[in-house]
Amino acid sequence: MAQATQERQRAHAFSAAEKKRLIECVQESSDIIENKQTDKHSKKAKEDAWALVTKQFNEQSTNGNICTVKQLKTLYKNSKREANKHVAEDKVIIDNVPMFSF
């Protein structure tokens, strides 16, 4: 039983402009996308919101790359993680600065 192995083709790297465009598209539906509820209705609303974000993102594409919902969700999740990491690093730096009283 020899199965043909298919190599997964690597997606293109997102540019800074594409990342910014994704954030702008997500902001319009952020109240739905960032909702912490996981019930049936919220899940459906999130799926619809992501489908809309993906449609808007792909319509604005200038380089012809079409992205899937999964790719955009991953990019958004990674962007949020990186932003939170920078905020935490800034907080550590601020907390470690000695306070001088005059």
C-alpha atoms as a PDB file:
ATOM      1  CA  MET A   1       0.000   0.000   0.000  1.00  0.00           C
ATOM      2  CA  ALA A   2       2.186   2.783  -1.193  1.00  0.00           C
ATOM      3  CA  GLN A   3       0.594   6.156  -0.736  1.00  0.00           C
ATOM      4  CA  ALA A   4       1.787   9.055  -2.781  1.00  0.00           C
ATOM      5  CA  THR A   5       3.113  11.678  -0.424  1.00  0.00           C
ATOM      6  CA  GLN A   6       2.077  15.157  -1.248  1.00  0.00           C
ATOM      7  CA  GLU A   7       4.168  17.973   0.065  1.00  0.00           C
ATOM      8  CA  ARG A   8       2.213  20.807   1.483  1.00  0.00           C
ATOM      9  CA  GLN A   9       2.860  23.949  -0.475  1.00  0.00           C
ATOM     10  CA  ARG A  10       3.962  26.846   1.684  1.00  0.00           C
ATOM     11  CA  ALA A  11       1.727  29.907   1.611  1.00  0.00           C
ATOM     12  CA  HIS A  12       3.130  33.309   0.793  1.00  0.00           C
ATOM     13  CA  ALA A  13       4.474  35.476   3.590  1.00  0.00           C
ATOM     14  CA  PHE A  14       2.117  38.276   4.532  1.00  0.00           C
ATOM     15  CA  SER A  15       3.416  41.800   4.051  1.00  0.00           C
ATOM     16  CA  ALA A  16       2.981  44.528   6.651  1.00  0.00           C
ATOM     17  CA  ALA A  17       0.312  46.123   4.444  1.00  0.00           C
ATOM     18  CA  GLU A  18      -1.639  42.848   4.290  1.00  0.00           C
ATOM     19  CA  LYS A  19      -1.445  42.475   8.072  1.00  0.00           C
ATOM     20  CA  LYS A  20      -2.730  46.011   8.507  1.00  0.00           C
ATOM     21  CA  ARG A  21      -5.537  45.374   6.006  1.00  0.00           C
ATOM     22  CA  LEU A  22      -6.571  42.248   7.918  1.00  0.00           C
ATOM     23  CA  ILE A  23      -6.715  44.175  11.201  1.00  0.00           C
ATOM     24  CA  GLU A  24      -8.877  46.826   9.525  1.00  0.00           C
ATOM     25  CA  CYS A  25     -11.252  44.160   8.156  1.00  0.00           C
ATOM     26  CA  VAL A  26     -11.467  42.409  11.531  1.00  0.00           C
ATOM     27  CA  GLN A  27     -12.180  45.658  13.425  1.00  0.00           C
ATOM     28  CA  GLU A  28     -15.541  45.968  11.681  1.00  0.00           C
ATOM     29  CA  SER A  29     -16.628  42.614  13.161  1.00  0.00           C
ATOM     30  CA  SER A  30     -14.462  42.580  16.287  1.00  0.00           C
ATOM     31  CA  ASP A  31     -17.413  42.455  18.689  1.00  0.00           C
ATOM     32  CA  ILE A  32     -18.449  39.127  17.127  1.00  0.00           C
ATOM     33  CA  ILE A  33     -14.971  37.702  16.477  1.00  0.00           C
ATOM     34  CA  GLU A  34     -13.656  38.506  19.961  1.00  0.00           C
ATOM     35  CA  ASN A  35     -16.782  37.158  21.682  1.00  0.00           C
ATOM     36  CA  LYS A  36     -15.780  34.536  24.256  1.00  0.00           C
ATOM     37  CA  GLN A  37     -19.070  32.638  24.112  1.00  0.00           C
ATOM     38  CA  THR A  38     -19.019  29.233  22.446  1.00  0.00           C
ATOM     39  CA  ASP A  39     -22.695  28.424  22.077  1.00  0.00           C
ATOM     40  CA  LYS A  40     -24.230  27.391  18.764  1.00  0.00           C
ATOM     41  CA  HIS A  41     -25.442  30.868  17.794  1.00  0.00           C
ATOM     42  CA  SER A  42     -22.161  32.600  18.665  1.00  0.00           C
ATOM     43  CA  LYS A  43     -20.170  30.007  16.770  1.00  0.00           C
ATOM     44  CA  LYS A  44     -22.326  30.500  13.660  1.00  0.00           C
ATOM     45  CA  ALA A  45     -22.012  34.289  13.969  1.00  0.00           C
ATOM     46  CA  LYS A  46     -18.224  33.967  14.202  1.00  0.00           C
ATOM     47  CA  GLU A  47     -18.097  31.721  11.130  1.00  0.00           C
ATOM     48  CA  ASP A  48     -20.196  34.244   9.201  1.00  0.00           C
ATOM     49  CA  ALA A  49     -18.035  37.147  10.411  1.00  0.00           C
ATOM     50  CA  TRP A  50     -14.832  35.375   9.367  1.00  0.00           C
ATOM     51  CA  ALA A  51     -16.351  34.561   5.971  1.00  0.00           C
ATOM     52  CA  LEU A  52     -17.139  38.270   5.520  1.00  0.00           C
ATOM     53  CA  VAL A  53     -13.642  39.300   6.643  1.00  0.00           C
ATOM     54  CA  THR A  54     -12.105  36.809   4.211  1.00  0.00           C
ATOM     55  CA  LYS A  55     -14.279  38.071   1.363  1.00  0.00           C
ATOM     56  CA  GLN A  56     -13.364  41.705   2.098  1.00  0.00           C
ATOM     57  CA  PHE A  57      -9.671  40.864   2.453  1.00  0.00           C
ATOM     58  CA  ASN A  58      -9.535  38.935  -0.820  1.00  0.00           C
ATOM     59  CA  GLU A  59     -11.468  41.642  -2.701  1.00  0.00           C
ATOM     60  CA  GLN A  60      -8.826  44.175  -1.652  1.00  0.00           C
ATOM     61  CA  SER A  61      -5.934  41.914  -2.633  1.00  0.00           C
ATOM     62  CA  THR A  62      -3.450  43.709  -4.854  1.00  0.00           C
ATOM     63  CA  ASN A  63      -1.058  40.820  -5.510  1.00  0.00           C
ATOM     64  CA  GLY A  64      -3.641  38.233  -6.557  1.00  0.00           C
ATOM     65  CA  ASN A  65      -3.112  35.925  -3.573  1.00  0.00           C
ATOM     66  CA  ILE A  66      -6.386  34.450  -2.351  1.00  0.00           C
ATOM     67  CA  CYS A  67      -6.410  33.507   1.334  1.00  0.00           C
ATOM     68  CA  THR A  68      -8.624  31.067   3.179  1.00  0.00           C
ATOM     69  CA  VAL A  69     -10.476  31.664   6.421  1.00  0.00           C
ATOM     70  CA  LYS A  70      -8.019  29.367   8.197  1.00  0.00           C
ATOM     71  CA  GLN A  71      -5.004  31.334   6.959  1.00  0.00           C
ATOM     72  CA  LEU A  72      -6.485  34.659   8.038  1.00  0.00           C
ATOM     73  CA  LYS A  73      -7.534  33.325  11.444  1.00  0.00           C
ATOM     74  CA  THR A  74      -4.006  32.062  12.017  1.00  0.00           C
ATOM     75  CA  LEU A  75      -2.474  35.358  10.925  1.00  0.00           C
ATOM     76  CA  TYR A  76      -4.838  37.277  13.219  1.00  0.00           C
ATOM     77  CA  LYS A  77      -4.128  34.963  16.176  1.00  0.00           C
ATOM     78  CA  ASN A  78      -0.358  35.260  15.652  1.00  0.00           C
ATOM     79  CA  SER A  79      -0.581  39.053  15.299  1.00  0.00           C
ATOM     80  CA  LYS A  80      -2.534  39.297  18.554  1.00  0.00           C
ATOM     81  CA  ARG A  81      -0.022  37.053  20.329  1.00  0.00           C
ATOM     82  CA  GLU A  82       2.893  39.154  19.103  1.00  0.00           C
ATOM     83  CA  ALA A  83       1.178  42.401  20.133  1.00  0.00           C
ATOM     84  CA  ASN A  84       0.454  41.022  23.605  1.00  0.00           C
ATOM     85  CA  LYS A  85       4.075  39.919  23.906  1.00  0.00           C
ATOM     86  CA  HIS A  86       5.285  43.437  23.114  1.00  0.00           C
ATOM     87  CA  VAL A  87       2.876  44.932  25.647  1.00  0.00           C
ATOM     88  CA  ALA A  88       4.151  42.512  28.307  1.00  0.00           C
ATOM     89  CA  GLU A  89       7.775  43.329  27.482  1.00  0.00           C
ATOM     90  CA  ASP A  90       7.045  47.063  27.725  1.00  0.00           C
ATOM     91  CA  LYS A  91       5.342  46.513  31.074  1.00  0.00           C
ATOM     92  CA  VAL A  92       8.394  44.654  32.414  1.00  0.00           C
ATOM     93  CA  ILE A  93      10.661  47.469  31.275  1.00  0.00           C
ATOM     94  CA  ILE A  94       8.441  50.084  32.906  1.00  0.00           C
ATOM     95  CA  ASP A  95       8.149  48.080  36.129  1.00  0.00           C
ATOM     96  CA  ASN A  96      11.939  47.700  36.375  1.00  0.00           C
ATOM     97  CA  VAL A  97      12.668  51.415  36.050  1.00  0.00           C
ATOM     98  CA  PRO A  98      13.660  52.787  39.469  1.00  0.00           C
ATOM     99  CA  MET A  99      11.449  55.556  40.765  1.00  0.00           C
ATOM    100  CA  PHE A 100      13.232  58.691  41.906  1.00  0.00           C
ATOM    101  CA  SER A 101      11.687  61.048  44.376  1.00  0.00           C
ATOM    102  CA  PHE A 102      12.784  64.626  44.388  1.00  0.00           C
END
